PDB file of N, CA and C in Angstrom:
ATOM      1  N   MET A   1     -15.621  -3.436  -1.938  1.00  0.00           N
ATOM      2  CA  MET A   1     -14.490  -4.270  -2.313  1.00  0.00           C
ATOM      3  C   MET A   1     -13.342  -4.031  -1.343  1.00  0.00           C
ATOM      4  N   THR A   2     -12.516  -5.030  -1.201  1.00  0.00           N
ATOM      5  CA  THR A   2     -11.335  -4.912  -0.340  1.00  0.00           C
ATOM      6  C   THR A   2     -10.157  -4.378  -1.149  1.00  0.00           C
ATOM      7  N   SER A   3      -9.117  -3.984  -0.450  1.00  0.00           N
ATOM      8  CA  SER A   3      -7.929  -3.495  -1.150  1.00  0.00           C
ATOM      9  C   SER A   3      -7.328  -4.595  -2.017  1.00  0.00           C
ATOM     10  N   GLU A   4      -7.385  -5.842  -1.539  1.00  0.00           N
ATOM     11  CA  GLU A   4      -6.857  -6.976  -2.309  1.00  0.00           C
ATOM     12  C   GLU A   4      -7.640  -7.150  -3.618  1.00  0.00           C
ATOM     13  N   GLU A   5      -8.947  -6.995  -3.548  1.00  0.00           N
ATOM     14  CA  GLU A   5      -9.775  -7.137  -4.755  1.00  0.00           C
ATOM     15  C   GLU A   5      -9.490  -6.025  -5.758  1.00  0.00           C
ATOM     16  N   TYR A   6      -9.326  -4.790  -5.255  1.00  0.00           N
ATOM     17  CA  TYR A   6      -8.959  -3.692  -6.151  1.00  0.00           C
ATOM     18  C   TYR A   6      -7.590  -3.932  -6.778  1.00  0.00           C
ATOM     19  N   TYR A   7      -6.657  -4.424  -5.987  1.00  0.00           N
ATOM     20  CA  TYR A   7      -5.307  -4.712  -6.491  1.00  0.00           C
ATOM     21  C   TYR A   7      -5.362  -5.766  -7.599  1.00  0.00           C
ATOM     22  N   LEU A   8      -6.089  -6.840  -7.388  1.00  0.00           N
ATOM     23  CA  LEU A   8      -6.182  -7.905  -8.389  1.00  0.00           C
ATOM     24  C   LEU A   8      -6.901  -7.419  -9.644  1.00  0.00           C
ATOM     25  N   LEU A   9      -7.937  -6.619  -9.465  1.00  0.00           N
ATOM     26  CA  LEU A   9      -8.644  -6.063 -10.621  1.00  0.00           C
ATOM     27  C   LEU A   9      -7.712  -5.129 -11.399  1.00  0.00           C
ATOM     28  N   GLY A  10      -6.924  -4.351 -10.671  1.00  0.00           N
ATOM     29  CA  GLY A  10      -5.948  -3.479 -11.325  1.00  0.00           C
ATOM     30  C   GLY A  10      -4.938  -4.280 -12.129  1.00  0.00           C
ATOM     31  N   ASN A  11      -4.503  -5.402 -11.589  1.00  0.00           N
ATOM     32  CA  ASN A  11      -3.570  -6.259 -12.327  1.00  0.00           C
ATOM     33  C   ASN A  11      -4.206  -6.776 -13.609  1.00  0.00           C
ATOM     34  N   ARG A  12      -5.479  -7.156 -13.528  1.00  0.00           N
ATOM     35  CA  ARG A  12      -6.166  -7.647 -14.722  1.00  0.00           C
ATOM     36  C   ARG A  12      -6.256  -6.553 -15.777  1.00  0.00           C
ATOM     37  N   TYR A  13      -6.641  -5.360 -15.360  1.00  0.00           N
ATOM     38  CA  TYR A  13      -6.718  -4.243 -16.304  1.00  0.00           C
ATOM     39  C   TYR A  13      -5.349  -3.942 -16.906  1.00  0.00           C
ATOM     40  N   ARG A  14      -4.306  -3.994 -16.095  1.00  0.00           N
ATOM     41  CA  ARG A  14      -2.954  -3.717 -16.599  1.00  0.00           C
ATOM     42  C   ARG A  14      -2.569  -4.720 -17.677  1.00  0.00           C
ATOM     43  N   ARG A  15      -2.853  -5.998 -17.433  1.00  0.00           N
ATOM     44  CA  ARG A  15      -2.534  -7.027 -18.433  1.00  0.00           C
ATOM     45  C   ARG A  15      -3.312  -6.819 -19.732  1.00  0.00           C
ATOM     46  N   GLU A  16      -4.517  -6.248 -19.618  1.00  0.00           N
ATOM     47  CA  GLU A  16      -5.348  -5.987 -20.801  1.00  0.00           C
ATOM     48  C   GLU A  16      -4.962  -4.679 -21.497  1.00  0.00           C
ATOM     49  N   GLY A  17      -4.021  -3.946 -20.913  1.00  0.00           N
ATOM     50  CA  GLY A  17      -3.591  -2.683 -21.509  1.00  0.00           C
ATOM     51  C   GLY A  17      -4.501  -1.516 -21.162  1.00  0.00           C
ATOM     52  N   LYS A  18      -5.383  -1.698 -20.203  1.00  0.00           N
ATOM     53  CA  LYS A  18      -6.292  -0.632 -19.762  1.00  0.00           C
ATOM     54  C   LYS A  18      -5.646   0.079 -18.576  1.00  0.00           C
ATOM     55  N   TRP A  19      -4.657   0.908 -18.892  1.00  0.00           N
ATOM     56  CA  TRP A  19      -3.823   1.487 -17.859  1.00  0.00           C
ATOM     57  C   TRP A  19      -4.563   2.462 -16.967  1.00  0.00           C
ATOM     58  N   ALA A  20      -5.465   3.256 -17.508  1.00  0.00           N
ATOM     59  CA  ALA A  20      -6.206   4.223 -16.683  1.00  0.00           C
ATOM     60  C   ALA A  20      -7.072   3.494 -15.657  1.00  0.00           C
ATOM     61  N   GLU A  21      -7.749   2.432 -16.095  1.00  0.00           N
ATOM     62  CA  GLU A  21      -8.582   1.660 -15.171  1.00  0.00           C
ATOM     63  C   GLU A  21      -7.723   0.985 -14.106  1.00  0.00           C
ATOM     64  N   ALA A  22      -6.565   0.480 -14.529  1.00  0.00           N
ATOM     65  CA  ALA A  22      -5.650  -0.152 -13.584  1.00  0.00           C
ATOM     66  C   ALA A  22      -5.188   0.854 -12.538  1.00  0.00           C
ATOM     67  N   MET A  23      -4.841   2.043 -12.978  1.00  0.00           N
ATOM     68  CA  MET A  23      -4.378   3.084 -12.064  1.00  0.00           C
ATOM     69  C   MET A  23      -5.472   3.433 -11.057  1.00  0.00           C
ATOM     70  N   ASN A  24      -6.715   3.542 -11.534  1.00  0.00           N
ATOM     71  CA  ASN A  24      -7.821   3.845 -10.624  1.00  0.00           C
ATOM     72  C   ASN A  24      -7.985   2.753  -9.569  1.00  0.00           C
ATOM     73  N   CYS A  25      -7.880   1.509  -9.973  1.00  0.00           N
ATOM     74  CA  CYS A  25      -8.006   0.401  -9.024  1.00  0.00           C
ATOM     75  C   CYS A  25      -6.866   0.410  -8.017  1.00  0.00           C
ATOM     76  N   TYR A  26      -5.661   0.654  -8.481  1.00  0.00           N
ATOM     77  CA  TYR A  26      -4.520   0.705  -7.569  1.00  0.00           C
ATOM     78  C   TYR A  26      -4.697   1.837  -6.549  1.00  0.00           C
ATOM     79  N   MET A  27      -5.182   2.987  -6.994  1.00  0.00           N
ATOM     80  CA  MET A  27      -5.365   4.114  -6.087  1.00  0.00           C
ATOM     81  C   MET A  27      -6.460   3.815  -5.065  1.00  0.00           C
ATOM     82  N   GLU A  28      -7.502   3.118  -5.473  1.00  0.00           N
ATOM     83  CA  GLU A  28      -8.541   2.706  -4.520  1.00  0.00           C
ATOM     84  C   GLU A  28      -7.960   1.738  -3.487  1.00  0.00           C
ATOM     85  N   ALA A  29      -7.164   0.787  -3.946  1.00  0.00           N
ATOM     86  CA  ALA A  29      -6.546  -0.178  -3.033  1.00  0.00           C
ATOM     87  C   ALA A  29      -5.652   0.530  -2.025  1.00  0.00           C
ATOM     88  N   ILE A  30      -4.896   1.507  -2.475  1.00  0.00           N
ATOM     89  CA  ILE A  30      -4.004   2.257  -1.594  1.00  0.00           C
ATOM     90  C   ILE A  30      -4.803   3.091  -0.598  1.00  0.00           C
ATOM     91  N   ALA A  31      -5.928   3.647  -1.038  1.00  0.00           N
ATOM     92  CA  ALA A  31      -6.769   4.442  -0.132  1.00  0.00           C
ATOM     93  C   ALA A  31      -7.314   3.579   1.004  1.00  0.00           C
ATOM     94  N   ILE A  32      -7.643   2.338   0.699  1.00  0.00           N
ATOM     95  CA  ILE A  32      -8.171   1.426   1.713  1.00  0.00           C
ATOM     96  C   ILE A  32      -7.057   0.909   2.617  1.00  0.00           C
ATOM     97  N   ASN A  33      -5.932   0.547   1.989  1.00  0.00           N
ATOM     98  CA  ASN A  33      -4.809  -0.025   2.751  1.00  0.00           C
ATOM     99  C   ASN A  33      -3.498   0.564   2.231  1.00  0.00           C
ATOM    100  N   PRO A  34      -2.936   1.540   2.930  1.00  0.00           N
ATOM    101  CA  PRO A  34      -1.691   2.179   2.470  1.00  0.00           C
ATOM    102  C   PRO A  34      -0.503   1.233   2.359  1.00  0.00           C
ATOM    103  N   ASP A  35      -0.595   0.049   2.952  1.00  0.00           N
ATOM    104  CA  ASP A  35       0.495  -0.922   2.869  1.00  0.00           C
ATOM    105  C   ASP A  35       0.253  -1.981   1.792  1.00  0.00           C
ATOM    106  N   SER A  36      -0.726  -1.755   0.958  1.00  0.00           N
ATOM    107  CA  SER A  36      -1.094  -2.706  -0.095  1.00  0.00           C
ATOM    108  C   SER A  36       0.039  -2.863  -1.111  1.00  0.00           C
ATOM    109  N   PRO A  37       0.140  -4.034  -1.739  1.00  0.00           N
ATOM    110  CA  PRO A  37       1.120  -4.187  -2.824  1.00  0.00           C
ATOM    111  C   PRO A  37       0.797  -3.290  -4.012  1.00  0.00           C
ATOM    112  N   ALA A  38      -0.380  -2.675  -3.988  1.00  0.00           N
ATOM    113  CA  ALA A  38      -0.758  -1.747  -5.062  1.00  0.00           C
ATOM    114  C   ALA A  38       0.152  -0.523  -5.090  1.00  0.00           C
ATOM    115  N   VAL A  39       0.796  -0.212  -3.971  1.00  0.00           N
ATOM    116  CA  VAL A  39       1.720   0.931  -3.939  1.00  0.00           C
ATOM    117  C   VAL A  39       2.837   0.712  -4.952  1.00  0.00           C
ATOM    118  N   GLU A  40       3.444  -0.454  -4.912  1.00  0.00           N
ATOM    119  CA  GLU A  40       4.536  -0.767  -5.846  1.00  0.00           C
ATOM    120  C   GLU A  40       4.009  -0.898  -7.276  1.00  0.00           C
ATOM    121  N   ALA A  41       2.838  -1.512  -7.424  1.00  0.00           N
ATOM    122  CA  ALA A  41       2.261  -1.674  -8.763  1.00  0.00           C
ATOM    123  C   ALA A  41       1.947  -0.317  -9.375  1.00  0.00           C
ATOM    124  N   LYS A  42       1.426   0.609  -8.576  1.00  0.00           N
ATOM    125  CA  LYS A  42       1.119   1.955  -9.078  1.00  0.00           C
ATOM    126  C   LYS A  42       2.394   2.667  -9.504  1.00  0.00           C
ATOM    127  N   GLN A  43       3.454   2.527  -8.709  1.00  0.00           N
ATOM    128  CA  GLN A  43       4.727   3.166  -9.062  1.00  0.00           C
ATOM    129  C   GLN A  43       5.269   2.612 -10.382  1.00  0.00           C
ATOM    130  N   MET A  44       5.167   1.296 -10.549  1.00  0.00           N
ATOM    131  CA  MET A  44       5.643   0.695 -11.801  1.00  0.00           C
ATOM    132  C   MET A  44       4.802   1.191 -12.981  1.00  0.00           C
ATOM    133  N   LEU A  45       3.487   1.289 -12.787  1.00  0.00           N
ATOM    134  CA  LEU A  45       2.616   1.766 -13.857  1.00  0.00           C
ATOM    135  C   LEU A  45       2.893   3.233 -14.162  1.00  0.00           C
ATOM    136  N   ASP A  46       3.158   4.024 -13.124  1.00  0.00           N
ATOM    137  CA  ASP A  46       3.550   5.427 -13.346  1.00  0.00           C
ATOM    138  C   ASP A  46       4.802   5.500 -14.206  1.00  0.00           C
ATOM    139  N   ASP A  47       5.788   4.668 -13.892  1.00  0.00           N
ATOM    140  CA  ASP A  47       7.044   4.659 -14.655  1.00  0.00           C
ATOM    141  C   ASP A  47       6.798   4.275 -16.105  1.00  0.00           C
ATOM    142  N   ILE A  48       5.955   3.276 -16.324  1.00  0.00           N
ATOM    143  CA  ILE A  48       5.646   2.840 -17.690  1.00  0.00           C
ATOM    144  C   ILE A  48       4.948   3.951 -18.450  1.00  0.00           C
ATOM    145  N   MET A  49       3.948   4.559 -17.813  1.00  0.00           N
ATOM    146  CA  MET A  49       3.192   5.615 -18.487  1.00  0.00           C
ATOM    147  C   MET A  49       4.072   6.822 -18.778  1.00  0.00           C
ATOM    148  N   ASN A  50       4.961   7.158 -17.867  1.00  0.00           N
ATOM    149  CA  ASN A  50       5.861   8.281 -18.105  1.00  0.00           C
ATOM    150  C   ASN A  50       6.829   7.990 -19.245  1.00  0.00           C
ATOM    151  N   PHE A  51       7.239   6.740 -19.388  1.00  0.00           N
ATOM    152  CA  PHE A  51       8.160   6.368 -20.451  1.00  0.00           C
ATOM    153  C   PHE A  51       7.466   6.380 -21.813  1.00  0.00           C
ATOM    154  N   TYR A  52       6.281   5.775 -21.893  1.00  0.00           N
ATOM    155  CA  TYR A  52       5.599   5.637 -23.168  1.00  0.00           C
ATOM    156  C   TYR A  52       4.719   6.820 -23.535  1.00  0.00           C
ATOM    157  N   ASN A  53       4.248   7.558 -22.549  1.00  0.00           N
ATOM    158  CA  ASN A  53       3.335   8.664 -22.800  1.00  0.00           C
ATOM    159  C   ASN A  53       3.905   9.956 -22.220  1.00  0.00           C
ATOM    160  N   LYS A  54       5.002  10.378 -22.770  1.00  0.00           N
ATOM    161  CA  LYS A  54       5.672  11.552 -22.237  1.00  0.00           C
ATOM    162  C   LYS A  54       4.781  12.783 -22.257  1.00  0.00           C
ATOM    163  N   ASP A  55       3.893  12.909 -23.225  1.00  0.00           N
ATOM    164  CA  ASP A  55       3.043  14.075 -23.338  1.00  0.00           C
ATOM    165  C   ASP A  55       1.735  13.940 -22.571  1.00  0.00           C
ATOM    166  N   MET A  56       1.514  12.804 -21.923  1.00  0.00           N
ATOM    167  CA  MET A  56       0.255  12.592 -21.225  1.00  0.00           C
ATOM    168  C   MET A  56       0.061  13.595 -20.091  1.00  0.00           C
ATOM    169  N   TYR A  57       1.126  13.886 -19.368  1.00  0.00           N
ATOM    170  CA  TYR A  57       1.033  14.799 -18.241  1.00  0.00           C
ATOM    171  C   TYR A  57       1.372  16.234 -18.643  1.00  0.00           C
ATOM    172  N   ASN A  58       1.949  16.417 -19.807  1.00  0.00           N
ATOM    173  CA  ASN A  58       2.343  17.757 -20.288  1.00  0.00           C
ATOM    174  C   ASN A  58       1.818  17.970 -21.710  1.00  0.00           C
ATOM    175  N   PRO A  59       0.519  18.178 -21.843  1.00  0.00           N
ATOM    176  CA  PRO A  59      -0.040  18.306 -23.215  1.00  0.00           C
ATOM    177  C   PRO A  59       0.440  19.536 -23.942  1.00  0.00           C
TER     178      PRO A  59
END
């Protein structure tokens, strides 16, 4: 898959509320193309997850 395909799949997962899958797709897109729009999407998803799941990273 291309970085664009991973980015679009990540967007679909994000809209469905499947945040972990979306994050994985965004990270794959970034690994393929560091200038992908997935960089900004991943940052936004990180911010959302940190806001709603404060204990996710600090169990």
